[in-house]
Amino acid sequence: QLHVTMSEKNELAKSLEMVQNELQEKESEMKREISEYKDRLLQAEKEHQDRLTETNQKNEVEIEACHEKISSLEHFISSQKLEIEHLKSNKEQLNNSLKEANQALGELLKIKVR
């Protein structure tokens, strides 16, 4: 009986040791997998951050180009408004000169008719 019990004990001890070894192997494998996933996650986050930074830089350049274009267009519009005012003033002066010339011509015609 003692011999059978001792034999069973030894078998159970071997089984326990095998189970513990399997668990340690699984634990090691899981730790390795977790480490790999963490590395992949960090790499993905870095790539995402790099793309985000690159996109932000491109957007800033485009925004600056748009600001410059807006400023240029505003300057052009301003100069066109000044040109329009200048042309209106010239038109008014020409109209006044034409009016005076017509009046003078009218006076001359009256004098000639007399």
PDB file of N, CA and C in Angstrom:
ATOM      1  N   GLN A   1       0.843  -1.202   0.000  1.00  0.00           N
ATOM      2  CA  GLN A   1       0.000   0.000   0.000  1.00  0.00           C
ATOM      3  C   GLN A   1       0.884   1.260   0.000  1.00  0.00           C
ATOM      4  N   LEU A   2       1.866   1.260   0.874  1.00  0.00           N
ATOM      5  CA  LEU A   2       2.774   2.406   0.965  1.00  0.00           C
ATOM      6  C   LEU A   2       3.517   2.595  -0.360  1.00  0.00           C
ATOM      7  N   HIS A   3       3.943   1.483  -0.909  1.00  0.00           N
ATOM      8  CA  HIS A   3       4.672   1.544  -2.175  1.00  0.00           C
ATOM      9  C   HIS A   3       3.772   2.129  -3.272  1.00  0.00           C
ATOM     10  N   VAL A   4       2.504   1.705  -3.340  1.00  0.00           N
ATOM     11  CA  VAL A   4       1.553   2.208  -4.337  1.00  0.00           C
ATOM     12  C   VAL A   4       1.327   3.701  -4.117  1.00  0.00           C
ATOM     13  N   THR A   5       1.158   4.102  -2.875  1.00  0.00           N
ATOM     14  CA  THR A   5       0.918   5.514  -2.548  1.00  0.00           C
ATOM     15  C   THR A   5       2.129   6.366  -2.931  1.00  0.00           C
ATOM     16  N   MET A   6       3.324   5.851  -2.633  1.00  0.00           N
ATOM     17  CA  MET A   6       4.548   6.574  -2.977  1.00  0.00           C
ATOM     18  C   MET A   6       4.676   6.694  -4.502  1.00  0.00           C
ATOM     19  N   SER A   7       4.339   5.648  -5.189  1.00  0.00           N
ATOM     20  CA  SER A   7       4.394   5.651  -6.641  1.00  0.00           C
ATOM     21  C   SER A   7       3.407   6.672  -7.198  1.00  0.00           C
ATOM     22  N   GLU A   8       2.195   6.690  -6.657  1.00  0.00           N
ATOM     23  CA  GLU A   8       1.196   7.682  -7.083  1.00  0.00           C
ATOM     24  C   GLU A   8       1.666   9.096  -6.784  1.00  0.00           C
ATOM     25  N   LYS A   9       2.310   9.240  -5.628  1.00  0.00           N
ATOM     26  CA  LYS A   9       2.819  10.559  -5.237  1.00  0.00           C
ATOM     27  C   LYS A   9       3.868  11.019  -6.246  1.00  0.00           C
ATOM     28  N   ASN A  10       4.759  10.105  -6.593  1.00  0.00           N
ATOM     29  CA  ASN A  10       5.800  10.449  -7.566  1.00  0.00           C
ATOM     30  C   ASN A  10       5.192  10.808  -8.923  1.00  0.00           C
ATOM     31  N   GLU A  11       4.202  10.046  -9.353  1.00  0.00           N
ATOM     32  CA  GLU A  11       3.535  10.331 -10.610  1.00  0.00           C
ATOM     33  C   GLU A  11       2.849  11.697 -10.565  1.00  0.00           C
ATOM     34  N   LEU A  12       2.187  11.963  -9.447  1.00  0.00           N
ATOM     35  CA  LEU A  12       1.531  13.260  -9.282  1.00  0.00           C
ATOM     36  C   LEU A  12       2.558  14.400  -9.274  1.00  0.00           C
ATOM     37  N   ALA A  13       3.686  14.171  -8.632  1.00  0.00           N
ATOM     38  CA  ALA A  13       4.745  15.179  -8.588  1.00  0.00           C
ATOM     39  C   ALA A  13       5.268  15.437  -9.997  1.00  0.00           C
ATOM     40  N   LYS A  14       5.468  14.343 -10.775  1.00  0.00           N
ATOM     41  CA  LYS A  14       5.922  14.503 -12.155  1.00  0.00           C
ATOM     42  C   LYS A  14       4.878  15.258 -12.985  1.00  0.00           C
ATOM     43  N   SER A  15       3.606  14.886 -12.803  1.00  0.00           N
ATOM     44  CA  SER A  15       2.530  15.568 -13.523  1.00  0.00           C
ATOM     45  C   SER A  15       2.487  17.048 -13.161  1.00  0.00           C
ATOM     46  N   LEU A  16       2.631  17.316 -11.856  1.00  0.00           N
ATOM     47  CA  LEU A  16       2.624  18.701 -11.387  1.00  0.00           C
ATOM     48  C   LEU A  16       3.788  19.472 -12.006  1.00  0.00           C
ATOM     49  N   GLU A  17       4.954  18.853 -12.021  1.00  0.00           N
ATOM     50  CA  GLU A  17       6.137  19.496 -12.596  1.00  0.00           C
ATOM     51  C   GLU A  17       5.928  19.757 -14.095  1.00  0.00           C
ATOM     52  N   MET A  18       5.328  18.792 -14.791  1.00  0.00           N
ATOM     53  CA  MET A  18       5.059  18.974 -16.222  1.00  0.00           C
ATOM     54  C   MET A  18       4.067  20.113 -16.455  1.00  0.00           C
ATOM     55  N   VAL A  19       3.017  20.134 -15.631  1.00  0.00           N
ATOM     56  CA  VAL A  19       2.020  21.206 -15.749  1.00  0.00           C
ATOM     57  C   VAL A  19       2.664  22.554 -15.454  1.00  0.00           C
ATOM     58  N   GLN A  20       3.504  22.612 -14.409  1.00  0.00           N
ATOM     59  CA  GLN A  20       4.180  23.871 -14.077  1.00  0.00           C
ATOM     60  C   GLN A  20       5.107  24.314 -15.204  1.00  0.00           C
ATOM     61  N   ASN A  21       5.820  23.338 -15.799  1.00  0.00           N
ATOM     62  CA  ASN A  21       6.692  23.671 -16.938  1.00  0.00           C
ATOM     63  C   ASN A  21       5.889  24.200 -18.112  1.00  0.00           C
ATOM     64  N   GLU A  22       4.771  23.549 -18.406  1.00  0.00           N
ATOM     65  CA  GLU A  22       3.906  24.016 -19.490  1.00  0.00           C
ATOM     66  C   GLU A  22       3.405  25.435 -19.218  1.00  0.00           C
ATOM     67  N   LEU A  23       2.983  25.652 -17.957  1.00  0.00           N
ATOM     68  CA  LEU A  23       2.497  26.987 -17.595  1.00  0.00           C
ATOM     69  C   LEU A  23       3.596  28.036 -17.745  1.00  0.00           C
ATOM     70  N   GLN A  24       4.812  27.680 -17.330  1.00  0.00           N
ATOM     71  CA  GLN A  24       5.926  28.628 -17.476  1.00  0.00           C
ATOM     72  C   GLN A  24       6.208  28.913 -18.949  1.00  0.00           C
ATOM     73  N   GLU A  25       6.163  27.866 -19.768  1.00  0.00           N
ATOM     74  CA  GLU A  25       6.377  28.061 -21.205  1.00  0.00           C
ATOM     75  C   GLU A  25       5.291  28.964 -21.791  1.00  0.00           C
ATOM     76  N   LYS A  26       4.037  28.677 -21.409  1.00  0.00           N
ATOM     77  CA  LYS A  26       2.938  29.505 -21.907  1.00  0.00           C
ATOM     78  C   LYS A  26       3.080  30.942 -21.424  1.00  0.00           C
ATOM     79  N   GLU A  27       3.470  31.090 -20.157  1.00  0.00           N
ATOM     80  CA  GLU A  27       3.658  32.438 -19.611  1.00  0.00           C
ATOM     81  C   GLU A  27       4.761  33.172 -20.378  1.00  0.00           C
ATOM     82  N   SER A  28       5.867  32.469 -20.629  1.00  0.00           N
ATOM     83  CA  SER A  28       6.968  33.073 -21.386  1.00  0.00           C
ATOM     84  C   SER A  28       6.511  33.452 -22.790  1.00  0.00           C
ATOM     85  N   GLU A  29       5.769  32.563 -23.436  1.00  0.00           N
ATOM     86  CA  GLU A  29       5.271  32.840 -24.780  1.00  0.00           C
ATOM     87  C   GLU A  29       4.317  34.029 -24.774  1.00  0.00           C
ATOM     88  N   MET A  30       3.438  34.087 -23.784  1.00  0.00           N
ATOM     89  CA  MET A  30       2.491  35.203 -23.689  1.00  0.00           C
ATOM     90  C   MET A  30       3.237  36.514 -23.439  1.00  0.00           C
ATOM     91  N   LYS A  31       4.271  36.473 -22.564  1.00  0.00           N
ATOM     92  CA  LYS A  31       5.057  37.687 -22.318  1.00  0.00           C
ATOM     93  C   LYS A  31       5.755  38.148 -23.592  1.00  0.00           C
ATOM     94  N   ARG A  32       6.277  37.167 -24.360  1.00  0.00           N
ATOM     95  CA  ARG A  32       6.936  37.503 -25.626  1.00  0.00           C
ATOM     96  C   ARG A  32       5.929  38.120 -26.595  1.00  0.00           C
ATOM     97  N   GLU A  33       4.736  37.520 -26.693  1.00  0.00           N
ATOM     98  CA  GLU A  33       3.706  38.052 -27.580  1.00  0.00           C
ATOM     99  C   GLU A  33       3.273  39.455 -27.147  1.00  0.00           C
ATOM    100  N   ILE A  34       3.100  39.636 -25.834  1.00  0.00           N
ATOM    101  CA  ILE A  34       2.722  40.957 -25.316  1.00  0.00           C
ATOM    102  C   ILE A  34       3.795  41.985 -25.677  1.00  0.00           C
ATOM    103  N   SER A  35       5.057  41.574 -25.519  1.00  0.00           N
ATOM    104  CA  SER A  35       6.160  42.469 -25.855  1.00  0.00           C
ATOM    105  C   SER A  35       6.131  42.823 -27.349  1.00  0.00           C
ATOM    106  N   GLU A  36       5.893  41.820 -28.183  1.00  0.00           N
ATOM    107  CA  GLU A  36       5.802  42.065 -29.620  1.00  0.00           C
ATOM    108  C   GLU A  36       4.649  43.019 -29.940  1.00  0.00           C
ATOM    109  N   TYR A  37       3.484  42.798 -29.323  1.00  0.00           N
ATOM    110  CA  TYR A  37       2.333  43.668 -29.568  1.00  0.00           C
ATOM    111  C   TYR A  37       2.622  45.096 -29.107  1.00  0.00           C
ATOM    112  N   LYS A  38       3.292  45.220 -27.956  1.00  0.00           N
ATOM    113  CA  LYS A  38       3.645  46.561 -27.470  1.00  0.00           C
ATOM    114  C   LYS A  38       4.588  47.249 -28.447  1.00  0.00           C
ATOM    115  N   ASP A  39       5.574  46.497 -28.952  1.00  0.00           N
ATOM    116  CA  ASP A  39       6.508  47.067 -29.930  1.00  0.00           C
ATOM    117  C   ASP A  39       5.775  47.502 -31.192  1.00  0.00           C
ATOM    118  N   ARG A  40       4.869  46.641 -31.675  1.00  0.00           N
ATOM    119  CA  ARG A  40       4.107  46.981 -32.881  1.00  0.00           C
ATOM    120  C   ARG A  40       3.222  48.202 -32.640  1.00  0.00           C
ATOM    121  N   LEU A  41       2.618  48.258 -31.441  1.00  0.00           N
ATOM    122  CA  LEU A  41       1.769  49.401 -31.102  1.00  0.00           C
ATOM    123  C   LEU A  41       2.594  50.689 -31.064  1.00  0.00           C
ATOM    124  N   LEU A  42       3.760  50.621 -30.427  1.00  0.00           N
ATOM    125  CA  LEU A  42       4.628  51.803 -30.363  1.00  0.00           C
ATOM    126  C   LEU A  42       5.059  52.241 -31.766  1.00  0.00           C
ATOM    127  N   GLN A  43       5.387  51.254 -32.617  1.00  0.00           N
ATOM    128  CA  GLN A  43       5.781  51.573 -33.990  1.00  0.00           C
ATOM    129  C   GLN A  43       4.624  52.226 -34.744  1.00  0.00           C
ATOM    130  N   ALA A  44       3.422  51.658 -34.576  1.00  0.00           N
ATOM    131  CA  ALA A  44       2.244  52.222 -35.254  1.00  0.00           C
ATOM    132  C   ALA A  44       1.963  53.638 -34.757  1.00  0.00           C
ATOM    133  N   GLU A  45       2.090  53.847 -33.446  1.00  0.00           N
ATOM    134  CA  GLU A  45       1.863  55.183 -32.890  1.00  0.00           C
ATOM    135  C   GLU A  45       2.893  56.169 -33.425  1.00  0.00           C
ATOM    136  N   LYS A  46       4.162  55.720 -33.517  1.00  0.00           N
ATOM    137  CA  LYS A  46       5.214  56.595 -34.045  1.00  0.00           C
ATOM    138  C   LYS A  46       4.931  56.947 -35.500  1.00  0.00           C
ATOM    139  N   GLU A  47       4.567  55.942 -36.311  1.00  0.00           N
ATOM    140  CA  GLU A  47       4.250  56.204 -37.716  1.00  0.00           C
ATOM    141  C   GLU A  47       3.062  57.159 -37.835  1.00  0.00           C
ATOM    142  N   HIS A  48       2.062  56.942 -37.005  1.00  0.00           N
ATOM    143  CA  HIS A  48       0.884  57.823 -37.022  1.00  0.00           C
ATOM    144  C   HIS A  48       1.288  59.249 -36.662  1.00  0.00           C
ATOM    145  N   GLN A  49       2.105  59.391 -35.627  1.00  0.00           N
ATOM    146  CA  GLN A  49       2.549  60.722 -35.200  1.00  0.00           C
ATOM    147  C   GLN A  49       3.383  61.386 -36.286  1.00  0.00           C
ATOM    148  N   ASP A  50       4.242  60.591 -36.939  1.00  0.00           N
ATOM    149  CA  ASP A  50       5.061  61.143 -38.026  1.00  0.00           C
ATOM    150  C   ASP A  50       4.182  61.644 -39.166  1.00  0.00           C
ATOM    151  N   ARG A  51       3.186  60.840 -39.542  1.00  0.00           N
ATOM    152  CA  ARG A  51       2.282  61.255 -40.624  1.00  0.00           C
ATOM    153  C   ARG A  51       1.493  62.493 -40.218  1.00  0.00           C
ATOM    154  N   LEU A  52       1.063  62.516 -38.959  1.00  0.00           N
ATOM    155  CA  LEU A  52       0.310  63.665 -38.458  1.00  0.00           C
ATOM    156  C   LEU A  52       1.170  64.930 -38.507  1.00  0.00           C
ATOM    157  N   THR A  53       2.409  64.809 -38.063  1.00  0.00           N
ATOM    158  CA  THR A  53       3.331  65.952 -38.085  1.00  0.00           C
ATOM    159  C   THR A  53       3.568  66.421 -39.516  1.00  0.00           C
ATOM    160  N   GLU A  54       3.798  65.456 -40.408  1.00  0.00           N
ATOM    161  CA  GLU A  54       4.035  65.795 -41.821  1.00  0.00           C
ATOM    162  C   GLU A  54       2.816  66.487 -42.429  1.00  0.00           C
ATOM    163  N   THR A  55       1.632  65.961 -42.135  1.00  0.00           N
ATOM    164  CA  THR A  55       0.399  66.557 -42.655  1.00  0.00           C
ATOM    165  C   THR A  55       0.210  67.967 -42.097  1.00  0.00           C
ATOM    166  N   ASN A  56       0.475  68.143 -40.810  1.00  0.00           N
ATOM    167  CA  ASN A  56       0.339  69.474 -40.199  1.00  0.00           C
ATOM    168  C   ASN A  56       1.304  70.461 -40.844  1.00  0.00           C
ATOM    169  N   GLN A  57       2.537  70.009 -41.120  1.00  0.00           N
ATOM    170  CA  GLN A  57       3.509  70.903 -41.753  1.00  0.00           C
ATOM    171  C   GLN A  57       3.045  71.294 -43.156  1.00  0.00           C
ATOM    172  N   LYS A  58       2.545  70.303 -43.919  1.00  0.00           N
ATOM    173  CA  LYS A  58       2.042  70.606 -45.263  1.00  0.00           C
ATOM    174  C   LYS A  58       0.884  71.590 -45.185  1.00  0.00           C
ATOM    175  N   ASN A  59      -0.018  71.369 -44.222  1.00  0.00           N
ATOM    176  CA  ASN A  59      -1.171  72.263 -44.066  1.00  0.00           C
ATOM    177  C   ASN A  59      -0.719  73.679 -43.719  1.00  0.00           C
ATOM    178  N   GLU A  60       0.283  73.783 -42.844  1.00  0.00           N
ATOM    179  CA  GLU A  60       0.780  75.107 -42.471  1.00  0.00           C
ATOM    180  C   GLU A  60       1.363  75.826 -43.681  1.00  0.00           C
ATOM    181  N   VAL A  61       2.093  75.074 -44.522  1.00  0.00           N
ATOM    182  CA  VAL A  61       2.664  75.678 -45.731  1.00  0.00           C
ATOM    183  C   VAL A  61       1.542  76.139 -46.658  1.00  0.00           C
ATOM    184  N   GLU A  62       0.523  75.286 -46.828  1.00  0.00           N
ATOM    185  CA  GLU A  62      -0.605  75.656 -47.692  1.00  0.00           C
ATOM    186  C   GLU A  62      -1.354  76.863 -47.131  1.00  0.00           C
ATOM    187  N   ILE A  63      -1.550  76.880 -45.825  1.00  0.00           N
ATOM    188  CA  ILE A  63      -2.240  78.014 -45.187  1.00  0.00           C
ATOM    189  C   ILE A  63      -1.441  79.298 -45.402  1.00  0.00           C
ATOM    190  N   GLU A  64      -0.129  79.215 -45.236  1.00  0.00           N
ATOM    191  CA  GLU A  64       0.719  80.401 -45.438  1.00  0.00           C
ATOM    192  C   GLU A  64       0.622  80.872 -46.887  1.00  0.00           C
ATOM    193  N   ALA A  65       0.631  79.914 -47.820  1.00  0.00           N
ATOM    194  CA  ALA A  65       0.509  80.282 -49.241  1.00  0.00           C
ATOM    195  C   ALA A  65      -0.841  80.957 -49.497  1.00  0.00           C
ATOM    196  N   CYS A  66      -1.891  80.454 -48.875  1.00  0.00           N
ATOM    197  CA  CYS A  66      -3.220  81.064 -49.025  1.00  0.00           C
ATOM    198  C   CYS A  66      -3.250  82.472 -48.443  1.00  0.00           C
ATOM    199  N   HIS A  67      -2.626  82.643 -47.273  1.00  0.00           N
ATOM    200  CA  HIS A  67      -2.568  83.982 -46.667  1.00  0.00           C
ATOM    201  C   HIS A  67      -1.840  84.954 -47.601  1.00  0.00           C
ATOM    202  N   GLU A  68      -0.734  84.482 -48.186  1.00  0.00           N
ATOM    203  CA  GLU A  68       0.018  85.343 -49.099  1.00  0.00           C
ATOM    204  C   GLU A  68      -0.824  85.689 -50.330  1.00  0.00           C
ATOM    205  N   LYS A  69      -1.544  84.698 -50.845  1.00  0.00           N
ATOM    206  CA  LYS A  69      -2.384  84.949 -52.018  1.00  0.00           C
ATOM    207  C   LYS A  69      -3.499  85.938 -51.675  1.00  0.00           C
ATOM    208  N   ILE A  70      -4.116  85.766 -50.509  1.00  0.00           N
ATOM    209  CA  ILE A  70      -5.175  86.687 -50.067  1.00  0.00           C
ATOM    210  C   ILE A  70      -4.615  88.098 -49.948  1.00  0.00           C
ATOM    211  N   SER A  71      -3.430  88.203 -49.337  1.00  0.00           N
ATOM    212  CA  SER A  71      -2.803  89.518 -49.176  1.00  0.00           C
ATOM    213  C   SER A  71      -2.516  90.153 -50.537  1.00  0.00           C
ATOM    214  N   SER A  72      -2.019  89.330 -51.450  1.00  0.00           N
ATOM    215  CA  SER A  72      -1.732  89.826 -52.799  1.00  0.00           C
ATOM    216  C   SER A  72      -3.014  90.291 -53.487  1.00  0.00           C
ATOM    217  N   LEU A  73      -4.090  89.504 -53.369  1.00  0.00           N
ATOM    218  CA  LEU A  73      -5.369  89.874 -53.987  1.00  0.00           C
ATOM    219  C   LEU A  73      -5.943  91.135 -53.347  1.00  0.00           C
ATOM    220  N   GLU A  74      -5.802  91.259 -52.033  1.00  0.00           N
ATOM    221  CA  GLU A  74      -6.292  92.465 -51.363  1.00  0.00           C
ATOM    222  C   GLU A  74      -5.538  93.696 -51.866  1.00  0.00           C
ATOM    223  N   HIS A  75      -4.219  93.536 -52.038  1.00  0.00           N
ATOM    224  CA  HIS A  75      -3.408  94.650 -52.555  1.00  0.00           C
ATOM    225  C   HIS A  75      -3.850  94.991 -53.979  1.00  0.00           C
ATOM    226  N   PHE A  76      -4.077  93.951 -54.799  1.00  0.00           N
ATOM    227  CA  PHE A  76      -4.519  94.170 -56.182  1.00  0.00           C
ATOM    228  C   PHE A  76      -5.867  94.887 -56.206  1.00  0.00           C
ATOM    229  N   ILE A  77      -6.802  94.435 -55.368  1.00  0.00           N
ATOM    230  CA  ILE A  77      -8.130  95.062 -55.302  1.00  0.00           C
ATOM    231  C   ILE A  77      -8.005  96.525 -54.888  1.00  0.00           C
ATOM    232  N   SER A  78      -7.161  96.764 -53.906  1.00  0.00           N
ATOM    233  CA  SER A  78      -6.954  98.134 -53.440  1.00  0.00           C
ATOM    234  C   SER A  78      -6.405  99.020 -54.562  1.00  0.00           C
ATOM    235  N   SER A  79      -5.429  98.494 -55.292  1.00  0.00           N
ATOM    236  CA  SER A  79      -4.862  99.289 -56.393  1.00  0.00           C
ATOM    237  C   SER A  79      -5.894  99.491 -57.504  1.00  0.00           C
ATOM    238  N   GLN A  80      -6.737  98.502 -57.739  1.00  0.00           N
ATOM    239  CA  GLN A  80      -7.791  98.643 -58.758  1.00  0.00           C
ATOM    240  C   GLN A  80      -8.817  99.696 -58.338  1.00  0.00           C
ATOM    241  N   LYS A  81      -9.156  99.732 -57.046  1.00  0.00           N
ATOM    242  CA  LYS A  81     -10.087 100.756 -56.558  1.00  0.00           C
ATOM    243  C   LYS A  81      -9.501 102.144 -56.758  1.00  0.00           C
ATOM    244  N   LEU A  82      -8.195 102.294 -56.456  1.00  0.00           N
ATOM    245  CA  LEU A  82      -7.536 103.586 -56.661  1.00  0.00           C
ATOM    246  C   LEU A  82      -7.561 103.963 -58.143  1.00  0.00           C
ATOM    247  N   GLU A  83      -7.298 102.977 -59.001  1.00  0.00           N
ATOM    248  CA  GLU A  83      -7.315 103.225 -60.444  1.00  0.00           C
ATOM    249  C   GLU A  83      -8.710 103.658 -60.901  1.00  0.00           C
ATOM    250  N   ILE A  84      -9.746 102.988 -60.373  1.00  0.00           N
ATOM    251  CA  ILE A  84     -11.130 103.348 -60.713  1.00  0.00           C
ATOM    252  C   ILE A  84     -11.425 104.782 -60.284  1.00  0.00           C
ATOM    253  N   GLU A  85     -11.018 105.151 -59.070  1.00  0.00           N
ATOM    254  CA  GLU A  85     -11.229 106.522 -58.591  1.00  0.00           C
ATOM    255  C   GLU A  85     -10.498 107.521 -59.480  1.00  0.00           C
ATOM    256  N   HIS A  86      -9.275 107.165 -59.866  1.00  0.00           N
ATOM    257  CA  HIS A  86      -8.494 108.051 -60.738  1.00  0.00           C
ATOM    258  C   HIS A  86      -9.207 108.218 -62.092  1.00  0.00           C
ATOM    259  N   LEU A  87      -9.695 107.101 -62.639  1.00  0.00           N
ATOM    260  CA  LEU A  87     -10.394 107.167 -63.931  1.00  0.00           C
ATOM    261  C   LEU A  87     -11.693 107.962 -63.828  1.00  0.00           C
ATOM    262  N   LYS A  88     -12.415 107.798 -62.705  1.00  0.00           N
ATOM    263  CA  LYS A  88     -13.643 108.591 -62.506  1.00  0.00           C
ATOM    264  C   LYS A  88     -13.318 110.080 -62.475  1.00  0.00           C
ATOM    265  N   SER A  89     -12.238 110.395 -61.766  1.00  0.00           N
ATOM    266  CA  SER A  89     -11.833 111.806 -61.668  1.00  0.00           C
ATOM    267  C   SER A  89     -11.458 112.352 -63.048  1.00  0.00           C
ATOM    268  N   ASN A  90     -10.697 111.567 -63.814  1.00  0.00           N
ATOM    269  CA  ASN A  90     -10.331 111.987 -65.177  1.00  0.00           C
ATOM    270  C   ASN A  90     -11.568 112.151 -66.044  1.00  0.00           C
ATOM    271  N   LYS A  91     -12.515 111.231 -65.913  1.00  0.00           N
ATOM    272  CA  LYS A  91     -13.750 111.308 -66.699  1.00  0.00           C
ATOM    273  C   LYS A  91     -14.489 112.599 -66.372  1.00  0.00           C
ATOM    274  N   GLU A  92     -14.573 112.907 -65.067  1.00  0.00           N
ATOM    275  CA  GLU A  92     -15.269 114.130 -64.648  1.00  0.00           C
ATOM    276  C   GLU A  92     -14.575 115.371 -65.211  1.00  0.00           C
ATOM    277  N   GLN A  93     -13.237 115.356 -65.159  1.00  0.00           N
ATOM    278  CA  GLN A  93     -12.494 116.492 -65.713  1.00  0.00           C
ATOM    279  C   GLN A  93     -12.718 116.618 -67.219  1.00  0.00           C
ATOM    280  N   LEU A  94     -12.705 115.477 -67.904  1.00  0.00           N
ATOM    281  CA  LEU A  94     -12.937 115.509 -69.358  1.00  0.00           C
ATOM    282  C   LEU A  94     -14.353 115.986 -69.681  1.00  0.00           C
ATOM    283  N   ASN A  95     -15.321 115.514 -68.895  1.00  0.00           N
ATOM    284  CA  ASN A  95     -16.705 115.970 -69.102  1.00  0.00           C
ATOM    285  C   ASN A  95     -16.814 117.477 -68.904  1.00  0.00           C
ATOM    286  N   ASN A  96     -16.177 117.972 -67.845  1.00  0.00           N
ATOM    287  CA  ASN A  96     -16.198 119.426 -67.595  1.00  0.00           C
ATOM    288  C   ASN A  96     -15.523 120.190 -68.736  1.00  0.00           C
ATOM    289  N   SER A  97     -14.376 119.650 -69.193  1.00  0.00           N
ATOM    290  CA  SER A  97     -13.678 120.313 -70.309  1.00  0.00           C
ATOM    291  C   SER A  97     -14.536 120.301 -71.565  1.00  0.00           C
ATOM    292  N   LEU A  98     -15.193 119.139 -71.812  1.00  0.00           N
ATOM    293  CA  LEU A  98     -16.066 119.033 -72.981  1.00  0.00           C
ATOM    294  C   LEU A  98     -17.231 120.016 -72.872  1.00  0.00           C
ATOM    295  N   LYS A  99     -17.774 120.134 -71.674  1.00  0.00           N
ATOM    296  CA  LYS A  99     -18.890 121.068 -71.447  1.00  0.00           C
ATOM    297  C   LYS A  99     -18.439 122.504 -71.721  1.00  0.00           C
ATOM    298  N   GLU A 100     -17.260 122.840 -71.194  1.00  0.00           N
ATOM    299  CA  GLU A 100     -16.722 124.190 -71.414  1.00  0.00           C
ATOM    300  C   GLU A 100     -16.451 124.427 -72.906  1.00  0.00           C
ATOM    301  N   ALA A 101     -15.897 123.392 -73.570  1.00  0.00           N
ATOM    302  CA  ALA A 101     -15.598 123.524 -75.006  1.00  0.00           C
ATOM    303  C   ALA A 101     -16.890 123.711 -75.798  1.00  0.00           C
ATOM    304  N   ASN A 102     -17.928 122.949 -75.426  1.00  0.00           N
ATOM    305  CA  ASN A 102     -19.220 123.088 -76.112  1.00  0.00           C
ATOM    306  C   ASN A 102     -19.817 124.475 -75.874  1.00  0.00           C
ATOM    307  N   GLN A 103     -19.670 124.961 -74.639  1.00  0.00           N
ATOM    308  CA  GLN A 103     -20.179 126.312 -74.351  1.00  0.00           C
ATOM    309  C   GLN A 103     -19.417 127.352 -75.179  1.00  0.00           C
ATOM    310  N   ALA A 104     -18.098 127.176 -75.234  1.00  0.00           N
ATOM    311  CA  ALA A 104     -17.279 128.122 -76.015  1.00  0.00           C
ATOM    312  C   ALA A 104     -17.650 128.035 -77.488  1.00  0.00           C
ATOM    313  N   LEU A 105     -17.853 126.811 -77.961  1.00  0.00           N
ATOM    314  CA  LEU A 105     -18.258 126.641 -79.363  1.00  0.00           C
ATOM    315  C   LEU A 105     -19.611 127.294 -79.607  1.00  0.00           C
ATOM    316  N   GLY A 106     -20.512 127.090 -78.645  1.00  0.00           N
ATOM    317  CA  GLY A 106     -21.817 127.726 -78.763  1.00  0.00           C
ATOM    318  C   GLY A 106     -21.700 129.225 -78.824  1.00  0.00           C
ATOM    319  N   GLU A 107     -20.850 129.799 -77.990  1.00  0.00           N
ATOM    320  CA  GLU A 107     -20.616 131.234 -77.996  1.00  0.00           C
ATOM    321  C   GLU A 107     -20.044 131.697 -79.337  1.00  0.00           C
ATOM    322  N   LEU A 108     -19.078 130.918 -79.835  1.00  0.00           N
ATOM    323  CA  LEU A 108     -18.465 131.272 -81.127  1.00  0.00           C
ATOM    324  C   LEU A 108     -19.481 131.207 -82.260  1.00  0.00           C
ATOM    325  N   LEU A 109     -20.323 130.187 -82.200  1.00  0.00           N
ATOM    326  CA  LEU A 109     -21.364 130.051 -83.256  1.00  0.00           C
ATOM    327  C   LEU A 109     -22.328 131.240 -83.198  1.00  0.00           C
ATOM    328  N   LYS A 110     -22.661 131.646 -81.972  1.00  0.00           N
ATOM    329  CA  LYS A 110     -23.574 132.791 -81.817  1.00  0.00           C
ATOM    330  C   LYS A 110     -22.919 134.047 -82.416  1.00  0.00           C
ATOM    331  N   ILE A 111     -21.621 134.194 -82.109  1.00  0.00           N
ATOM    332  CA  ILE A 111     -20.907 135.379 -82.601  1.00  0.00           C
ATOM    333  C   ILE A 111     -20.836 135.321 -84.131  1.00  0.00           C
ATOM    334  N   LYS A 112     -20.562 134.159 -84.671  1.00  0.00           N
ATOM    335  CA  LYS A 112     -20.435 134.003 -86.115  1.00  0.00           C
ATOM    336  C   LYS A 112     -21.773 134.264 -86.814  1.00  0.00           C
ATOM    337  N   VAL A 113     -22.848 133.798 -86.189  1.00  0.00           N
ATOM    338  CA  VAL A 113     -24.171 133.960 -86.773  1.00  0.00           C
ATOM    339  C   VAL A 113     -24.537 135.447 -86.812  1.00  0.00           C
ATOM    340  N   ARG A 114     -24.140 136.231 -85.868  1.00  0.00           N
ATOM    341  CA  ARG A 114     -24.481 137.650 -85.811  1.00  0.00           C
ATOM    342  C   ARG A 114     -23.884 138.352 -86.915  1.00  0.00           C
TER     343      ARG A 114
END
